[in-house]
Amino acid sequence: MADEFFDRLDRAIDAVVTRGDATAALRDPELATLVRIAADLRHYPGTDFKARLRAQLERRPTMSTAVITSIREGFTTVTPYVWVADRGFADFLVRVFDAVETRVTEGGRHGTHRELRIGNSMLMLGEGAPGEIVPGRAMAFHVFVDDVDAVYAKALAAGGESLGEPADRPYGERSGFIKDAYGNRWYIASPLGPESFAHALRTVTPYLHAHDVRAFIAFLVRAFGASEEVVHELPGGVTPYARVRVGDAAIELGTADPTPGTLCLYVADPDFAYEQAVAAG
């Protein structure tokens, strides 16, 4: 048994050193921690390695060694980044959710970058340069407001399409659902009781869709050290709701056709996080 373990470890370390596929090792609870240490040895051969390694080993196994604690004020570990063709989407956010634009960088090869605050949450927007065709990358968001019916009405007036009128839901929220003109879905909600997940979420939380939610969660755990918080499964592999946490940010998930959204992830070491994500598949 010991020989078999060391053989597997040798193969896994070889894969890390040669930048091969270490996915299987990262899925193996016996090998995952050692493989991450091997990856760390590649990146940190300097004199400060012992101190950094000690700090990593003292963390809980479910925490990502890539997550950074010093993040720009107002941001969390994970921030949605929405790509759109023009500033109409920013106008929609201001009109419907009282968003406040906190930063804008115009011009340049990549068009315009905007940052907007909704409640205690931040969103980043990328707009194409004049004449440039920007492929939309629609996302879904769970957003908490004081008056669901009023915000739902404003969203429709601003060009949104109804996906479900406001109603009291069995999961402790009054919710209404819309799709904006850019293809993003908004699950607009107010908590009704203790069943609501509002206590675990910020004003705006990204809601990711996947055909196989369990497999997607497993990837987030391997790649970014996500911790699983809630998973509600139905027979047949359907998961109507799940939630994981990466650093101080929650991500919600559900079974549906995937949307090609983008997330900005704040990490201590982008190189290590990149390698770990590639190794995770």
Protein backbone atom coordinates (compact mmCIF):
# COMPACT_ATOMS: atom_id res chain seq x y z
CA MET A 1 0.00 0.00 0.00
CA ALA A 2 2.79 2.43 0.90
CA ASP A 3 4.63 1.68 -2.35
CA GLU A 4 1.44 2.30 -4.34
CA PHE A 5 0.92 5.64 -2.57
CA PHE A 6 4.47 6.83 -3.28
CA ASP A 7 4.20 5.71 -6.90
CA ARG A 8 1.05 7.81 -7.28
CA LEU A 9 2.74 10.73 -5.55
CA ASP A 10 5.78 10.50 -7.82
CA ARG A 11 3.58 10.54 -10.92
CA ALA A 12 1.59 13.50 -9.61
CA ILE A 13 4.72 15.52 -8.81
CA ASP A 14 6.14 14.71 -12.24
CA ALA A 15 2.93 16.08 -13.77
CA VAL A 16 3.21 19.29 -11.74
CA VAL A 17 6.87 19.83 -12.60
CA THR A 18 6.30 19.24 -16.31
CA ARG A 19 3.03 21.24 -16.33
CA GLY A 20 1.15 18.08 -17.21
CA ASP A 21 -2.38 17.07 -16.18
CA ALA A 22 -2.55 16.82 -12.36
CA THR A 23 -6.35 16.81 -12.22
CA ALA A 24 -6.62 13.27 -10.86
CA ALA A 25 -4.17 14.01 -8.07
CA LEU A 26 -6.05 17.16 -7.05
CA ARG A 27 -9.20 15.08 -6.77
CA ASP A 28 -7.45 12.53 -4.55
CA PRO A 29 -7.85 13.53 -0.86
CA GLU A 30 -4.58 11.73 0.00
CA LEU A 31 -2.56 13.57 -2.63
CA ALA A 32 -4.19 16.98 -3.11
CA THR A 33 -2.38 18.78 -0.27
CA LEU A 34 1.02 17.34 -1.23
CA VAL A 35 0.49 18.21 -4.89
CA ARG A 36 -0.27 21.82 -3.97
CA ILE A 37 2.93 21.90 -1.90
CA ALA A 38 4.83 20.56 -4.93
CA ALA A 39 3.34 23.36 -7.03
CA ASP A 40 4.38 25.84 -4.35
CA LEU A 41 7.95 24.53 -4.44
CA ARG A 42 8.07 25.30 -8.15
CA HIS A 43 6.93 28.87 -7.64
CA TYR A 44 8.67 29.77 -4.38
CA PRO A 45 12.22 28.44 -4.25
CA GLY A 46 13.52 31.64 -2.58
CA THR A 47 14.50 32.29 1.03
CA ASP A 48 10.99 33.28 2.05
CA PHE A 49 9.56 29.90 1.08
CA LYS A 50 9.52 28.41 4.59
CA ALA A 51 7.48 31.27 6.00
CA ARG A 52 4.99 31.20 3.14
CA LEU A 53 4.68 27.42 3.29
CA ARG A 54 4.07 27.51 7.06
CA ALA A 55 1.32 30.09 6.57
CA GLN A 56 -0.32 27.93 3.91
CA LEU A 57 -0.20 24.74 5.97
CA GLU A 58 -1.73 26.48 8.98
CA ARG A 59 -4.83 27.38 6.98
CA ARG A 60 -7.91 25.19 6.90
CA PRO A 61 -7.76 22.61 4.08
CA THR A 62 -10.93 24.08 2.54
CA MET A 63 -9.37 27.52 2.13
CA SER A 64 -7.58 28.37 -1.08
CA THR A 65 -3.93 29.28 -0.67
CA ALA A 66 -4.51 31.65 -3.57
CA VAL A 67 -7.10 33.90 -1.90
CA ILE A 68 -5.86 37.31 -0.85
CA THR A 69 -7.22 39.19 2.14
CA SER A 70 -6.29 42.74 1.09
CA ILE A 71 -8.75 43.68 -1.63
CA ARG A 72 -9.70 47.10 -2.95
CA GLU A 73 -12.21 48.82 -0.72
CA GLY A 74 -15.79 47.80 -1.47
CA PHE A 75 -14.81 44.68 -3.43
CA THR A 76 -14.90 41.02 -2.47
CA THR A 77 -12.79 38.06 -3.60
CA VAL A 78 -15.11 37.48 -6.56
CA THR A 79 -16.55 40.37 -8.61
CA PRO A 80 -18.81 39.91 -11.67
CA TYR A 81 -17.42 41.40 -14.89
CA VAL A 82 -20.13 42.00 -17.51
CA TRP A 83 -19.17 42.62 -21.15
CA VAL A 84 -21.61 44.72 -23.19
CA ALA A 85 -21.57 46.72 -26.42
CA ASP A 86 -22.36 50.18 -25.00
CA ARG A 87 -23.11 52.18 -21.88
CA GLY A 88 -26.82 51.34 -22.05
CA PHE A 89 -26.32 48.58 -19.52
CA ALA A 90 -24.79 51.01 -17.00
CA ASP A 91 -27.78 53.29 -17.54
CA PHE A 92 -30.08 50.32 -16.85
CA LEU A 93 -28.31 49.59 -13.55
CA VAL A 94 -28.59 53.22 -12.46
CA ARG A 95 -32.25 53.50 -13.44
CA VAL A 96 -33.42 50.20 -11.95
CA PHE A 97 -31.13 49.47 -9.00
CA ASP A 98 -29.91 52.99 -8.12
CA ALA A 99 -26.36 51.96 -9.00
CA VAL A 100 -23.59 54.50 -8.38
CA GLU A 101 -20.71 54.69 -10.84
CA THR A 102 -17.48 54.79 -8.82
CA ARG A 103 -14.90 54.54 -11.58
CA VAL A 104 -14.68 54.88 -15.35
CA THR A 105 -11.67 54.51 -17.63
CA GLU A 106 -12.45 55.47 -21.20
CA GLY A 107 -10.62 54.89 -24.45
CA GLY A 108 -7.77 52.58 -25.22
CA ARG A 109 -7.66 49.31 -27.09
CA HIS A 110 -10.22 47.62 -24.82
CA GLY A 111 -12.87 50.33 -24.88
CA THR A 112 -14.39 51.56 -21.61
CA HIS A 113 -14.09 50.03 -18.15
CA ARG A 114 -16.71 50.94 -15.54
CA GLU A 115 -17.22 50.05 -11.89
CA LEU A 116 -20.60 50.47 -10.24
CA ARG A 117 -21.84 49.93 -6.70
CA ILE A 118 -25.28 48.47 -5.95
CA GLY A 119 -25.90 48.42 -2.22
CA ASN A 120 -22.83 46.76 -0.70
CA SER A 121 -21.78 45.04 -3.94
CA MET A 122 -19.59 45.99 -6.89
CA LEU A 123 -19.95 45.16 -10.58
CA MET A 124 -17.36 45.70 -13.32
CA LEU A 125 -18.42 46.49 -16.87
CA GLY A 126 -16.47 46.28 -20.11
CA GLU A 127 -17.75 48.21 -23.13
CA GLY A 128 -16.36 47.95 -26.62
CA ALA A 129 -14.50 50.75 -28.34
CA PRO A 130 -16.48 52.73 -30.96
CA GLY A 131 -17.06 50.59 -34.02
CA GLU A 132 -15.93 47.42 -32.24
CA ILE A 133 -18.22 44.40 -32.02
CA VAL A 134 -18.19 43.09 -28.46
CA PRO A 135 -19.61 39.59 -27.90
CA GLY A 136 -22.06 39.75 -25.01
CA ARG A 137 -21.29 37.62 -21.98
CA ALA A 138 -24.60 37.46 -20.16
CA MET A 139 -24.83 36.46 -16.51
CA ALA A 140 -27.48 35.89 -13.84
CA PHE A 141 -27.70 37.77 -10.54
CA HIS A 142 -29.59 37.38 -7.28
CA VAL A 143 -30.23 40.94 -6.08
CA PHE A 144 -31.91 42.04 -2.84
CA VAL A 145 -34.03 45.20 -2.82
CA ASP A 146 -36.43 46.88 -0.40
CA ASP A 147 -39.47 46.77 -2.71
CA VAL A 148 -39.51 43.90 -5.18
CA ASP A 149 -42.67 45.01 -6.97
CA ALA A 150 -41.42 48.56 -7.52
CA VAL A 151 -38.00 47.48 -8.80
CA TYR A 152 -39.56 44.80 -11.01
CA ALA A 153 -41.80 47.47 -12.57
CA LYS A 154 -38.80 49.77 -13.13
CA ALA A 155 -36.90 46.91 -14.79
CA LEU A 156 -39.76 46.31 -17.23
CA ALA A 157 -40.03 50.02 -17.97
CA ALA A 158 -36.29 50.09 -18.68
CA GLY A 159 -36.65 47.45 -21.38
CA GLY A 160 -36.55 44.24 -19.33
CA GLU A 161 -38.49 41.09 -20.24
CA SER A 162 -40.53 39.34 -17.57
CA LEU A 163 -39.46 35.82 -16.63
CA GLY A 164 -41.82 35.63 -13.66
CA GLU A 165 -43.96 38.19 -11.86
CA PRO A 166 -43.26 39.00 -8.20
CA ALA A 167 -44.70 36.42 -5.80
CA ASP A 168 -44.06 35.02 -2.34
CA ARG A 169 -41.81 32.02 -2.84
CA PRO A 170 -41.59 28.88 -0.63
CA TYR A 171 -37.90 29.54 0.05
CA GLY A 172 -38.65 32.61 2.17
CA GLU A 173 -38.42 35.40 -0.40
CA ARG A 174 -40.72 37.54 -2.46
CA SER A 175 -39.14 37.40 -5.89
CA GLY A 176 -39.69 38.58 -9.44
CA PHE A 177 -37.54 37.59 -12.41
CA ILE A 178 -36.55 39.60 -15.49
CA LYS A 179 -34.10 39.46 -18.38
CA ASP A 180 -32.56 42.78 -19.42
CA ALA A 181 -31.98 43.89 -23.00
CA TYR A 182 -28.40 42.56 -22.84
CA GLY A 183 -29.47 39.03 -21.92
CA ASN A 184 -28.64 39.15 -18.20
CA ARG A 185 -31.11 37.54 -15.81
CA TRP A 186 -32.05 39.26 -12.55
CA TYR A 187 -33.63 37.38 -9.66
CA ILE A 188 -35.02 40.36 -7.72
CA ALA A 189 -35.85 39.50 -4.12
CA SER A 190 -36.72 40.64 -0.61
CA PRO A 191 -36.48 38.28 2.37
CA LEU A 192 -39.75 37.21 4.00
CA GLY A 193 -38.45 35.04 6.81
CA PRO A 194 -35.59 32.94 8.16
CA GLU A 195 -35.77 30.55 5.19
CA SER A 196 -34.26 33.26 2.99
CA PHE A 197 -30.56 33.08 2.23
CA ALA A 198 -30.28 36.87 2.47
CA HIS A 199 -28.21 36.58 5.67
CA ALA A 200 -25.48 34.73 3.74
CA LEU A 201 -25.44 37.00 0.69
CA ARG A 202 -24.60 40.56 -0.28
CA THR A 203 -26.86 42.90 -2.27
CA VAL A 204 -25.82 41.30 -5.57
CA THR A 205 -24.60 37.72 -5.86
CA PRO A 206 -23.60 36.03 -9.16
CA TYR A 207 -25.78 33.03 -9.98
CA LEU A 208 -23.99 30.57 -12.25
CA HIS A 209 -25.78 27.95 -14.34
CA ALA A 210 -24.37 24.55 -15.25
CA HIS A 211 -25.70 21.28 -16.63
CA ASP A 212 -23.83 19.34 -13.91
CA VAL A 213 -23.74 21.51 -10.81
CA ARG A 214 -21.94 18.90 -8.70
CA ALA A 215 -19.11 18.66 -11.22
CA PHE A 216 -18.87 22.45 -11.44
CA ILE A 217 -18.66 22.74 -7.66
CA ALA A 218 -15.92 20.11 -7.63
CA PHE A 219 -13.97 22.19 -10.15
CA LEU A 220 -14.37 25.38 -8.05
CA VAL A 221 -13.09 23.49 -5.00
CA ARG A 222 -10.06 22.08 -6.82
CA ALA A 223 -9.24 25.22 -8.78
CA PHE A 224 -9.93 28.01 -6.30
CA GLY A 225 -10.35 26.37 -2.90
CA ALA A 226 -14.10 27.04 -2.80
CA SER A 227 -16.01 25.73 0.21
CA GLU A 228 -19.41 24.11 -0.31
CA GLU A 229 -22.14 25.67 1.84
CA VAL A 230 -25.52 24.50 0.50
CA VAL A 231 -26.57 21.93 -2.09
CA HIS A 232 -30.23 21.07 -2.74
CA GLU A 233 -30.53 18.15 -5.14
CA LEU A 234 -33.54 16.52 -6.76
CA PRO A 235 -33.80 13.03 -8.27
CA GLY A 236 -32.20 12.80 -11.67
CA GLY A 237 -29.22 14.98 -10.88
CA VAL A 238 -31.08 18.31 -11.00
CA THR A 239 -29.80 20.91 -8.53
CA PRO A 240 -32.23 23.84 -8.22
CA TYR A 241 -29.98 25.63 -5.74
CA ALA A 242 -26.43 25.43 -4.43
CA ARG A 243 -23.97 27.88 -2.91
CA VAL A 244 -20.20 27.92 -2.51
CA ARG A 245 -17.86 30.49 -1.04
CA VAL A 246 -14.52 31.64 -2.41
CA GLY A 247 -12.74 33.80 0.12
CA ASP A 248 -15.35 36.25 1.40
CA ALA A 249 -17.60 35.97 -1.67
CA ALA A 250 -20.60 33.71 -2.24
CA ILE A 251 -21.48 32.18 -5.61
CA GLU A 252 -24.90 30.63 -6.20
CA LEU A 253 -25.50 27.86 -8.72
CA GLY A 254 -28.36 26.01 -10.35
CA THR A 255 -29.04 23.49 -13.09
CA ALA A 256 -29.69 25.25 -16.43
CA ASP A 257 -28.00 25.99 -19.73
CA PRO A 258 -24.65 27.67 -18.94
CA THR A 259 -24.18 31.38 -19.54
CA PRO A 260 -20.77 32.68 -20.68
CA GLY A 261 -20.28 35.16 -17.85
CA THR A 262 -16.98 36.45 -16.50
CA LEU A 263 -15.77 36.79 -12.92
CA CYS A 264 -12.82 38.79 -11.59
CA LEU A 265 -11.00 36.82 -8.89
CA TYR A 266 -8.66 38.60 -6.47
CA VAL A 267 -5.77 36.29 -5.49
CA ALA A 268 -2.43 36.58 -3.74
CA ASP A 269 -0.53 34.86 -6.56
CA PRO A 270 -2.10 34.82 -10.04
CA ASP A 271 0.54 32.41 -11.38
CA PHE A 272 -0.19 29.82 -8.72
CA ALA A 273 -3.96 30.26 -9.07
CA TYR A 274 -3.67 29.87 -12.83
CA GLU A 275 -1.59 26.70 -12.57
CA GLN A 276 -3.97 25.23 -10.01
CA ALA A 277 -7.01 25.99 -12.16
CA VAL A 278 -5.42 24.46 -15.26
CA ALA A 279 -4.45 21.38 -13.24
CA ALA A 280 -8.06 21.14 -12.05
CA GLY A 281 -9.24 20.92 -15.62
